[in-house]
Amino acid sequence: MAWVNTRLTKMAKLHMIKLSVGTETVETQAAWQANWLAQNGKLRHITRMWPRREAELLAGGSIFWVIKGMVQSCQRIEALEEVIGEDGIRRCAIVLNPQLFHTHPQPRRPFQGWRYLQPEDAPEIAQPYIEGKETLPAALQAELAALGIL
């Protein structure tokens, strides 16, 4: 669990940021991922484009998830695997560590696909996601952070 230390995340070479489409909260994201993991044995997110900066991502990078216009969670990228779709097109499976972490909310506009995220631009990691443990709503967290309270 040393990864919880935000300094380690800041020392990573590169991160990725992605919209978690259809997700309402970190809790619904965790439930969806737990279901996927139970059915498939490993947690993977399939994307069309293969990252050109693969080595930097695999040197301690994480994927930061945008939920409802705010970066709210992240998890460690463990590997990238080639997947050939039914249409014969090569895709990238981003293998993720199943442990989700809450982040301090950071607003983000919608975008397609994924983007690279420099470590210095990544939001701070707040705490590990623990099922059943309540957290403040993201909008309230963002307001409190803007006021300097969080």
N, C-alpha and C. Protein backbone atom coordinates (compact mmCIF):
# COMPACT_ATOMS: atom_id res chain seq x y z
N MET A 1 0.81 -1.20 0.00
CA MET A 1 0.00 0.00 0.00
C MET A 1 0.85 1.26 0.00
N ALA A 2 2.13 1.15 -0.27
CA ALA A 2 2.99 2.33 -0.32
C ALA A 2 2.51 3.30 -1.40
N TRP A 3 1.74 2.80 -2.36
CA TRP A 3 1.29 3.64 -3.45
C TRP A 3 0.38 4.76 -2.98
N VAL A 4 -0.23 4.59 -1.82
CA VAL A 4 -1.12 5.61 -1.29
C VAL A 4 -0.37 6.92 -1.09
N ASN A 5 0.91 6.82 -0.80
CA ASN A 5 1.73 8.01 -0.60
C ASN A 5 1.70 8.87 -1.86
N THR A 6 1.20 10.08 -1.75
CA THR A 6 1.04 10.93 -2.93
C THR A 6 2.39 11.32 -3.52
N ARG A 7 3.45 11.31 -2.74
CA ARG A 7 4.78 11.62 -3.29
C ARG A 7 5.17 10.60 -4.35
N LEU A 8 4.82 9.33 -4.13
CA LEU A 8 5.15 8.31 -5.11
C LEU A 8 4.41 8.55 -6.42
N THR A 9 3.16 8.98 -6.33
CA THR A 9 2.39 9.27 -7.53
C THR A 9 2.99 10.46 -8.26
N LYS A 10 3.46 11.44 -7.53
CA LYS A 10 4.08 12.61 -8.16
C LYS A 10 5.42 12.24 -8.81
N MET A 11 6.09 11.18 -8.31
CA MET A 11 7.37 10.76 -8.87
C MET A 11 7.22 9.93 -10.14
N ALA A 12 6.01 9.48 -10.44
CA ALA A 12 5.78 8.70 -11.65
C ALA A 12 6.17 9.54 -12.86
N LYS A 13 6.54 8.88 -13.92
CA LYS A 13 6.94 9.58 -15.14
C LYS A 13 5.76 10.20 -15.87
N LEU A 14 4.61 9.51 -15.87
CA LEU A 14 3.46 9.97 -16.64
C LEU A 14 2.21 9.24 -16.18
N HIS A 15 1.08 9.95 -16.21
CA HIS A 15 -0.22 9.37 -15.90
C HIS A 15 -1.12 9.50 -17.12
N MET A 16 -2.32 8.98 -16.97
CA MET A 16 -3.33 9.04 -18.01
C MET A 16 -4.61 9.55 -17.35
N ILE A 17 -5.42 10.28 -18.11
CA ILE A 17 -6.72 10.74 -17.61
C ILE A 17 -7.78 10.30 -18.61
N LYS A 18 -8.93 9.84 -18.08
CA LYS A 18 -9.97 9.27 -18.93
C LYS A 18 -11.32 9.54 -18.29
N LEU A 19 -12.33 9.79 -19.14
CA LEU A 19 -13.70 9.91 -18.64
C LEU A 19 -14.22 8.53 -18.27
N SER A 20 -14.91 8.45 -17.16
CA SER A 20 -15.57 7.21 -16.77
C SER A 20 -17.04 7.37 -17.18
N VAL A 21 -17.31 7.09 -18.44
CA VAL A 21 -18.62 7.33 -19.05
C VAL A 21 -19.69 6.44 -18.40
N GLY A 22 -20.80 7.07 -18.03
CA GLY A 22 -21.91 6.34 -17.44
C GLY A 22 -21.79 6.14 -15.94
N THR A 23 -20.68 6.56 -15.37
CA THR A 23 -20.47 6.41 -13.93
C THR A 23 -21.05 7.62 -13.21
N GLU A 24 -21.76 7.36 -12.14
CA GLU A 24 -22.38 8.43 -11.35
C GLU A 24 -21.50 8.86 -10.18
N THR A 25 -20.85 7.88 -9.54
CA THR A 25 -20.03 8.13 -8.36
C THR A 25 -18.87 7.15 -8.34
N VAL A 26 -17.94 7.37 -7.44
CA VAL A 26 -16.83 6.41 -7.27
C VAL A 26 -17.41 5.06 -6.83
N GLU A 27 -18.47 5.09 -6.05
CA GLU A 27 -19.09 3.85 -5.58
C GLU A 27 -19.65 3.04 -6.74
N THR A 28 -20.32 3.70 -7.70
CA THR A 28 -20.85 2.95 -8.85
C THR A 28 -19.71 2.48 -9.74
N GLN A 29 -18.63 3.25 -9.82
CA GLN A 29 -17.46 2.81 -10.58
C GLN A 29 -16.86 1.55 -9.94
N ALA A 30 -16.73 1.56 -8.63
CA ALA A 30 -16.17 0.42 -7.91
C ALA A 30 -17.05 -0.82 -8.09
N ALA A 31 -18.36 -0.66 -8.04
CA ALA A 31 -19.27 -1.79 -8.21
C ALA A 31 -19.16 -2.36 -9.62
N TRP A 32 -19.10 -1.48 -10.63
CA TRP A 32 -18.96 -1.94 -12.01
C TRP A 32 -17.65 -2.69 -12.18
N GLN A 33 -16.56 -2.15 -11.64
CA GLN A 33 -15.26 -2.79 -11.77
C GLN A 33 -15.20 -4.12 -11.02
N ALA A 34 -15.83 -4.20 -9.86
CA ALA A 34 -15.85 -5.46 -9.10
C ALA A 34 -16.58 -6.55 -9.89
N ASN A 35 -17.67 -6.18 -10.54
CA ASN A 35 -18.41 -7.12 -11.38
C ASN A 35 -17.56 -7.59 -12.56
N TRP A 36 -16.89 -6.64 -13.22
CA TRP A 36 -16.01 -6.98 -14.34
C TRP A 36 -14.90 -7.92 -13.89
N LEU A 37 -14.28 -7.62 -12.76
CA LEU A 37 -13.19 -8.42 -12.22
C LEU A 37 -13.65 -9.84 -11.90
N ALA A 38 -14.82 -9.96 -11.30
CA ALA A 38 -15.37 -11.28 -10.96
C ALA A 38 -15.63 -12.12 -12.21
N GLN A 39 -16.03 -11.48 -13.30
CA GLN A 39 -16.35 -12.21 -14.53
C GLN A 39 -15.12 -12.51 -15.37
N ASN A 40 -14.09 -11.65 -15.29
CA ASN A 40 -12.97 -11.77 -16.23
C ASN A 40 -11.62 -12.07 -15.59
N GLY A 41 -11.52 -12.02 -14.28
CA GLY A 41 -10.27 -12.40 -13.63
C GLY A 41 -9.22 -11.30 -13.53
N LYS A 42 -9.30 -10.31 -14.40
CA LYS A 42 -8.41 -9.16 -14.28
C LYS A 42 -9.13 -7.94 -14.80
N LEU A 43 -8.75 -6.81 -14.23
CA LEU A 43 -9.43 -5.56 -14.56
C LEU A 43 -8.71 -4.89 -15.71
N ARG A 44 -9.43 -4.75 -16.83
CA ARG A 44 -8.84 -4.12 -18.02
C ARG A 44 -9.81 -3.11 -18.59
N HIS A 45 -9.23 -2.03 -19.10
CA HIS A 45 -10.01 -1.04 -19.84
C HIS A 45 -9.48 -1.06 -21.27
N ILE A 46 -10.35 -1.34 -22.22
CA ILE A 46 -9.94 -1.44 -23.62
C ILE A 46 -10.08 -0.07 -24.29
N THR A 47 -9.04 0.32 -24.98
CA THR A 47 -9.05 1.59 -25.71
C THR A 47 -8.53 1.36 -27.12
N ARG A 48 -8.93 2.20 -28.02
CA ARG A 48 -8.58 2.03 -29.43
C ARG A 48 -7.12 2.33 -29.73
N MET A 49 -6.61 3.36 -29.09
CA MET A 49 -5.25 3.82 -29.40
C MET A 49 -4.23 3.24 -28.40
N TRP A 50 -3.07 2.87 -28.91
CA TRP A 50 -1.99 2.38 -28.07
C TRP A 50 -1.12 3.57 -27.65
N PRO A 51 -0.86 3.74 -26.35
CA PRO A 51 -0.04 4.87 -25.91
C PRO A 51 1.38 4.80 -26.47
N ARG A 52 1.83 5.87 -27.08
CA ARG A 52 3.20 5.92 -27.59
C ARG A 52 4.21 6.05 -26.47
N ARG A 53 3.75 6.57 -25.34
CA ARG A 53 4.64 6.79 -24.20
C ARG A 53 4.45 5.68 -23.15
N GLU A 54 4.37 4.46 -23.65
CA GLU A 54 4.12 3.28 -22.83
C GLU A 54 5.10 3.14 -21.66
N ALA A 55 6.38 3.28 -21.92
CA ALA A 55 7.39 3.09 -20.87
C ALA A 55 7.19 4.07 -19.73
N GLU A 56 6.82 5.31 -20.05
CA GLU A 56 6.59 6.31 -19.01
C GLU A 56 5.35 5.99 -18.17
N LEU A 57 4.31 5.48 -18.83
CA LEU A 57 3.10 5.09 -18.10
C LEU A 57 3.36 3.92 -17.16
N LEU A 58 4.18 2.97 -17.63
CA LEU A 58 4.45 1.77 -16.84
C LEU A 58 5.49 2.00 -15.75
N ALA A 59 6.06 3.19 -15.69
CA ALA A 59 7.04 3.52 -14.65
C ALA A 59 6.35 4.15 -13.45
N GLY A 60 5.24 3.57 -13.02
CA GLY A 60 4.54 4.06 -11.84
C GLY A 60 3.33 4.91 -12.14
N GLY A 61 2.87 4.92 -13.38
CA GLY A 61 1.73 5.76 -13.75
C GLY A 61 0.39 5.21 -13.29
N SER A 62 -0.58 6.09 -13.26
CA SER A 62 -1.94 5.76 -12.86
C SER A 62 -2.91 6.31 -13.89
N ILE A 63 -4.13 5.81 -13.84
CA ILE A 63 -5.20 6.38 -14.64
C ILE A 63 -6.11 7.15 -13.69
N PHE A 64 -6.34 8.41 -14.01
CA PHE A 64 -7.21 9.26 -13.22
C PHE A 64 -8.55 9.34 -13.93
N TRP A 65 -9.61 9.06 -13.20
CA TRP A 65 -10.95 8.96 -13.77
C TRP A 65 -11.76 10.23 -13.53
N VAL A 66 -12.35 10.75 -14.62
CA VAL A 66 -13.24 11.90 -14.54
C VAL A 66 -14.67 11.36 -14.45
N ILE A 67 -15.33 11.71 -13.36
CA ILE A 67 -16.71 11.28 -13.11
C ILE A 67 -17.56 12.54 -12.93
N LYS A 68 -18.57 12.70 -13.78
CA LYS A 68 -19.47 13.86 -13.68
C LYS A 68 -18.70 15.19 -13.68
N GLY A 69 -17.72 15.31 -14.56
CA GLY A 69 -17.00 16.57 -14.74
C GLY A 69 -15.91 16.85 -13.72
N MET A 70 -15.60 15.87 -12.85
CA MET A 70 -14.57 16.06 -11.83
C MET A 70 -13.67 14.83 -11.79
N VAL A 71 -12.37 15.04 -11.69
CA VAL A 71 -11.47 13.91 -11.42
C VAL A 71 -11.79 13.49 -9.99
N GLN A 72 -12.22 12.23 -9.83
CA GLN A 72 -12.65 11.78 -8.50
C GLN A 72 -11.93 10.53 -8.01
N SER A 73 -11.31 9.79 -8.93
CA SER A 73 -10.66 8.54 -8.51
C SER A 73 -9.47 8.25 -9.40
N CYS A 74 -8.66 7.31 -8.94
CA CYS A 74 -7.53 6.86 -9.75
C CYS A 74 -7.16 5.45 -9.33
N GLN A 75 -6.39 4.81 -10.20
CA GLN A 75 -5.85 3.50 -9.89
C GLN A 75 -4.60 3.27 -10.72
N ARG A 76 -3.75 2.43 -10.22
CA ARG A 76 -2.44 2.18 -10.80
C ARG A 76 -2.56 1.39 -12.11
N ILE A 77 -1.78 1.78 -13.11
CA ILE A 77 -1.69 1.04 -14.36
C ILE A 77 -0.63 -0.04 -14.17
N GLU A 78 -1.00 -1.29 -14.38
CA GLU A 78 -0.07 -2.40 -14.17
C GLU A 78 0.59 -2.88 -15.45
N ALA A 79 -0.14 -2.82 -16.56
CA ALA A 79 0.40 -3.32 -17.83
C ALA A 79 -0.46 -2.82 -18.98
N LEU A 80 0.08 -2.97 -20.18
CA LEU A 80 -0.67 -2.73 -21.41
C LEU A 80 -0.60 -4.03 -22.21
N GLU A 81 -1.75 -4.49 -22.68
CA GLU A 81 -1.81 -5.74 -23.43
C GLU A 81 -2.50 -5.53 -24.76
N GLU A 82 -2.03 -6.24 -25.75
CA GLU A 82 -2.66 -6.17 -27.07
C GLU A 82 -3.93 -7.02 -27.09
N VAL A 83 -4.98 -6.44 -27.66
CA VAL A 83 -6.26 -7.13 -27.83
C VAL A 83 -6.68 -6.90 -29.27
N ILE A 84 -7.05 -7.97 -29.96
CA ILE A 84 -7.56 -7.86 -31.33
C ILE A 84 -9.08 -7.98 -31.25
N GLY A 85 -9.78 -6.94 -31.68
CA GLY A 85 -11.23 -6.93 -31.62
C GLY A 85 -11.86 -7.86 -32.64
N GLU A 86 -13.15 -8.06 -32.53
CA GLU A 86 -13.88 -8.90 -33.48
C GLU A 86 -13.76 -8.38 -34.90
N ASP A 87 -13.49 -7.08 -35.03
CA ASP A 87 -13.33 -6.46 -36.34
C ASP A 87 -11.90 -6.58 -36.88
N GLY A 88 -11.03 -7.27 -36.12
CA GLY A 88 -9.65 -7.48 -36.55
C GLY A 88 -8.72 -6.31 -36.25
N ILE A 89 -9.22 -5.29 -35.57
CA ILE A 89 -8.40 -4.12 -35.27
C ILE A 89 -7.69 -4.29 -33.94
N ARG A 90 -6.41 -3.94 -33.94
CA ARG A 90 -5.59 -4.00 -32.73
C ARG A 90 -6.01 -2.90 -31.76
N ARG A 91 -6.19 -3.27 -30.50
CA ARG A 91 -6.55 -2.33 -29.45
C ARG A 91 -5.62 -2.53 -28.26
N CYS A 92 -5.68 -1.59 -27.33
CA CYS A 92 -4.86 -1.64 -26.14
C CYS A 92 -5.74 -1.91 -24.92
N ALA A 93 -5.39 -2.94 -24.17
CA ALA A 93 -6.05 -3.22 -22.90
C ALA A 93 -5.16 -2.66 -21.80
N ILE A 94 -5.67 -1.69 -21.08
CA ILE A 94 -4.95 -1.11 -19.95
C ILE A 94 -5.31 -1.96 -18.73
N VAL A 95 -4.33 -2.70 -18.23
CA VAL A 95 -4.55 -3.55 -17.07
C VAL A 95 -4.40 -2.69 -15.82
N LEU A 96 -5.42 -2.70 -14.98
CA LEU A 96 -5.47 -1.83 -13.82
C LEU A 96 -5.40 -2.61 -12.51
N ASN A 97 -4.75 -2.02 -11.54
CA ASN A 97 -4.80 -2.55 -10.19
C ASN A 97 -6.23 -2.33 -9.70
N PRO A 98 -6.87 -3.33 -9.11
CA PRO A 98 -8.28 -3.16 -8.72
C PRO A 98 -8.51 -2.17 -7.58
N GLN A 99 -7.48 -1.79 -6.84
CA GLN A 99 -7.67 -0.84 -5.74
C GLN A 99 -7.90 0.57 -6.28
N LEU A 100 -9.09 1.08 -6.03
CA LEU A 100 -9.44 2.46 -6.41
C LEU A 100 -9.06 3.40 -5.27
N PHE A 101 -8.71 4.61 -5.64
CA PHE A 101 -8.42 5.65 -4.65
C PHE A 101 -9.25 6.88 -4.97
N HIS A 102 -9.76 7.51 -3.93
CA HIS A 102 -10.42 8.81 -4.09
C HIS A 102 -9.31 9.84 -4.34
N THR A 103 -9.62 10.85 -5.11
CA THR A 103 -8.70 11.98 -5.28
C THR A 103 -9.40 13.23 -4.77
N HIS A 104 -8.61 14.26 -4.52
CA HIS A 104 -9.24 15.55 -4.26
C HIS A 104 -9.87 15.97 -5.58
N PRO A 105 -11.16 16.27 -5.60
CA PRO A 105 -11.84 16.59 -6.87
C PRO A 105 -11.18 17.74 -7.62
N GLN A 106 -11.10 17.54 -8.92
CA GLN A 106 -10.51 18.55 -9.79
C GLN A 106 -11.39 18.65 -11.03
N PRO A 107 -11.94 19.82 -11.33
CA PRO A 107 -12.85 19.93 -12.48
C PRO A 107 -12.13 19.67 -13.81
N ARG A 108 -12.85 19.02 -14.72
CA ARG A 108 -12.35 18.74 -16.07
C ARG A 108 -13.49 18.84 -17.06
N ARG A 109 -13.21 19.44 -18.19
CA ARG A 109 -14.19 19.50 -19.28
C ARG A 109 -14.21 18.15 -19.99
N PRO A 110 -15.33 17.86 -20.66
CA PRO A 110 -15.42 16.61 -21.40
C PRO A 110 -14.40 16.56 -22.54
N PHE A 111 -13.93 15.36 -22.84
CA PHE A 111 -13.02 15.13 -23.96
C PHE A 111 -13.21 13.69 -24.41
N GLN A 112 -12.75 13.39 -25.60
CA GLN A 112 -12.88 12.03 -26.12
C GLN A 112 -11.58 11.27 -25.89
N GLY A 113 -11.71 9.98 -25.71
CA GLY A 113 -10.54 9.13 -25.57
C GLY A 113 -9.86 9.35 -24.22
N TRP A 114 -8.54 9.31 -24.24
CA TRP A 114 -7.75 9.55 -23.04
C TRP A 114 -6.68 10.58 -23.36
N ARG A 115 -6.11 11.13 -22.32
CA ARG A 115 -5.03 12.12 -22.46
C ARG A 115 -3.92 11.76 -21.50
N TYR A 116 -2.71 12.17 -21.83
CA TYR A 116 -1.62 12.05 -20.88
C TYR A 116 -1.81 13.11 -19.81
N LEU A 117 -1.34 12.81 -18.61
CA LEU A 117 -1.44 13.73 -17.48
C LEU A 117 -0.08 13.77 -16.79
N GLN A 118 0.52 14.93 -16.77
CA GLN A 118 1.81 15.09 -16.11
C GLN A 118 1.62 14.94 -14.59
N PRO A 119 2.58 14.32 -13.91
CA PRO A 119 2.45 14.12 -12.46
C PRO A 119 2.18 15.41 -11.69
N GLU A 120 2.79 16.50 -12.10
CA GLU A 120 2.58 17.76 -11.38
C GLU A 120 1.17 18.32 -11.56
N ASP A 121 0.43 17.83 -12.57
CA ASP A 121 -0.94 18.28 -12.81
C ASP A 121 -1.98 17.34 -12.22
N ALA A 122 -1.54 16.21 -11.70
CA ALA A 122 -2.46 15.21 -11.14
C ALA A 122 -2.99 15.69 -9.79
N PRO A 123 -4.28 15.45 -9.54
CA PRO A 123 -4.81 15.82 -8.22
C PRO A 123 -4.22 14.93 -7.13
N GLU A 124 -4.22 15.44 -5.93
CA GLU A 124 -3.73 14.68 -4.79
C GLU A 124 -4.64 13.48 -4.53
N ILE A 125 -4.05 12.40 -4.09
CA ILE A 125 -4.82 11.22 -3.71
C ILE A 125 -5.31 11.43 -2.28
N ALA A 126 -6.61 11.25 -2.08
CA ALA A 126 -7.20 11.51 -0.77
C ALA A 126 -7.14 10.28 0.13
N GLN A 127 -7.66 9.16 -0.35
CA GLN A 127 -7.73 7.94 0.47
C GLN A 127 -8.13 6.77 -0.40
N PRO A 128 -7.86 5.56 0.06
CA PRO A 128 -8.33 4.39 -0.69
C PRO A 128 -9.85 4.31 -0.65
N TYR A 129 -10.44 3.81 -1.71
CA TYR A 129 -11.88 3.58 -1.72
C TYR A 129 -12.14 2.34 -0.88
N ILE A 130 -13.06 2.46 0.06
CA ILE A 130 -13.46 1.33 0.89
C ILE A 130 -14.98 1.22 0.79
N GLU A 131 -15.44 0.07 0.34
CA GLU A 131 -16.88 -0.12 0.16
C GLU A 131 -17.63 0.16 1.45
N GLY A 132 -18.69 0.94 1.35
CA GLY A 132 -19.52 1.26 2.50
C GLY A 132 -19.06 2.46 3.30
N LYS A 133 -17.84 2.93 3.07
CA LYS A 133 -17.36 4.11 3.79
C LYS A 133 -17.79 5.35 3.03
N GLU A 134 -18.59 6.18 3.65
CA GLU A 134 -19.13 7.36 2.99
C GLU A 134 -18.08 8.46 2.88
N THR A 135 -18.17 9.22 1.81
CA THR A 135 -17.33 10.40 1.63
C THR A 135 -18.24 11.57 1.29
N LEU A 136 -17.69 12.75 1.38
CA LEU A 136 -18.46 13.94 0.99
C LEU A 136 -18.73 13.91 -0.50
N PRO A 137 -19.86 14.44 -0.95
CA PRO A 137 -20.11 14.53 -2.39
C PRO A 137 -19.00 15.33 -3.08
N ALA A 138 -18.67 14.95 -4.30
CA ALA A 138 -17.56 15.57 -5.03
C ALA A 138 -17.73 17.08 -5.17
N ALA A 139 -18.94 17.54 -5.45
CA ALA A 139 -19.16 18.99 -5.62
C ALA A 139 -18.86 19.73 -4.32
N LEU A 140 -19.27 19.16 -3.19
CA LEU A 140 -18.99 19.78 -1.91
C LEU A 140 -17.51 19.76 -1.61
N GLN A 141 -16.83 18.65 -1.91
CA GLN A 141 -15.38 18.58 -1.72
C GLN A 141 -14.67 19.65 -2.55
N ALA A 142 -15.12 19.84 -3.79
CA ALA A 142 -14.50 20.84 -4.66
C ALA A 142 -14.69 22.24 -4.09
N GLU A 143 -15.89 22.53 -3.58
CA GLU A 143 -16.14 23.85 -2.99
C GLU A 143 -15.28 24.08 -1.75
N LEU A 144 -15.17 23.07 -0.91
CA LEU A 144 -14.34 23.18 0.29
C LEU A 144 -12.86 23.34 -0.06
N ALA A 145 -12.42 22.63 -1.10
CA ALA A 145 -11.03 22.76 -1.54
C ALA A 145 -10.77 24.17 -2.07
N ALA A 146 -11.74 24.72 -2.82
CA ALA A 146 -11.58 26.08 -3.36
C ALA A 146 -11.49 27.12 -2.24
N LEU A 147 -12.15 26.82 -1.12
CA LEU A 147 -12.10 27.72 0.03
C LEU A 147 -10.87 27.49 0.90
N GLY A 148 -10.09 26.45 0.57
CA GLY A 148 -8.88 26.16 1.33
C GLY A 148 -9.15 25.34 2.59
N ILE A 149 -10.33 24.77 2.70
CA ILE A 149 -10.69 23.99 3.89
C ILE A 149 -10.21 22.55 3.78
N LEU A 150 -10.23 22.00 2.59
CA LEU A 150 -9.75 20.63 2.37
C LEU A 150 -8.36 20.64 1.80
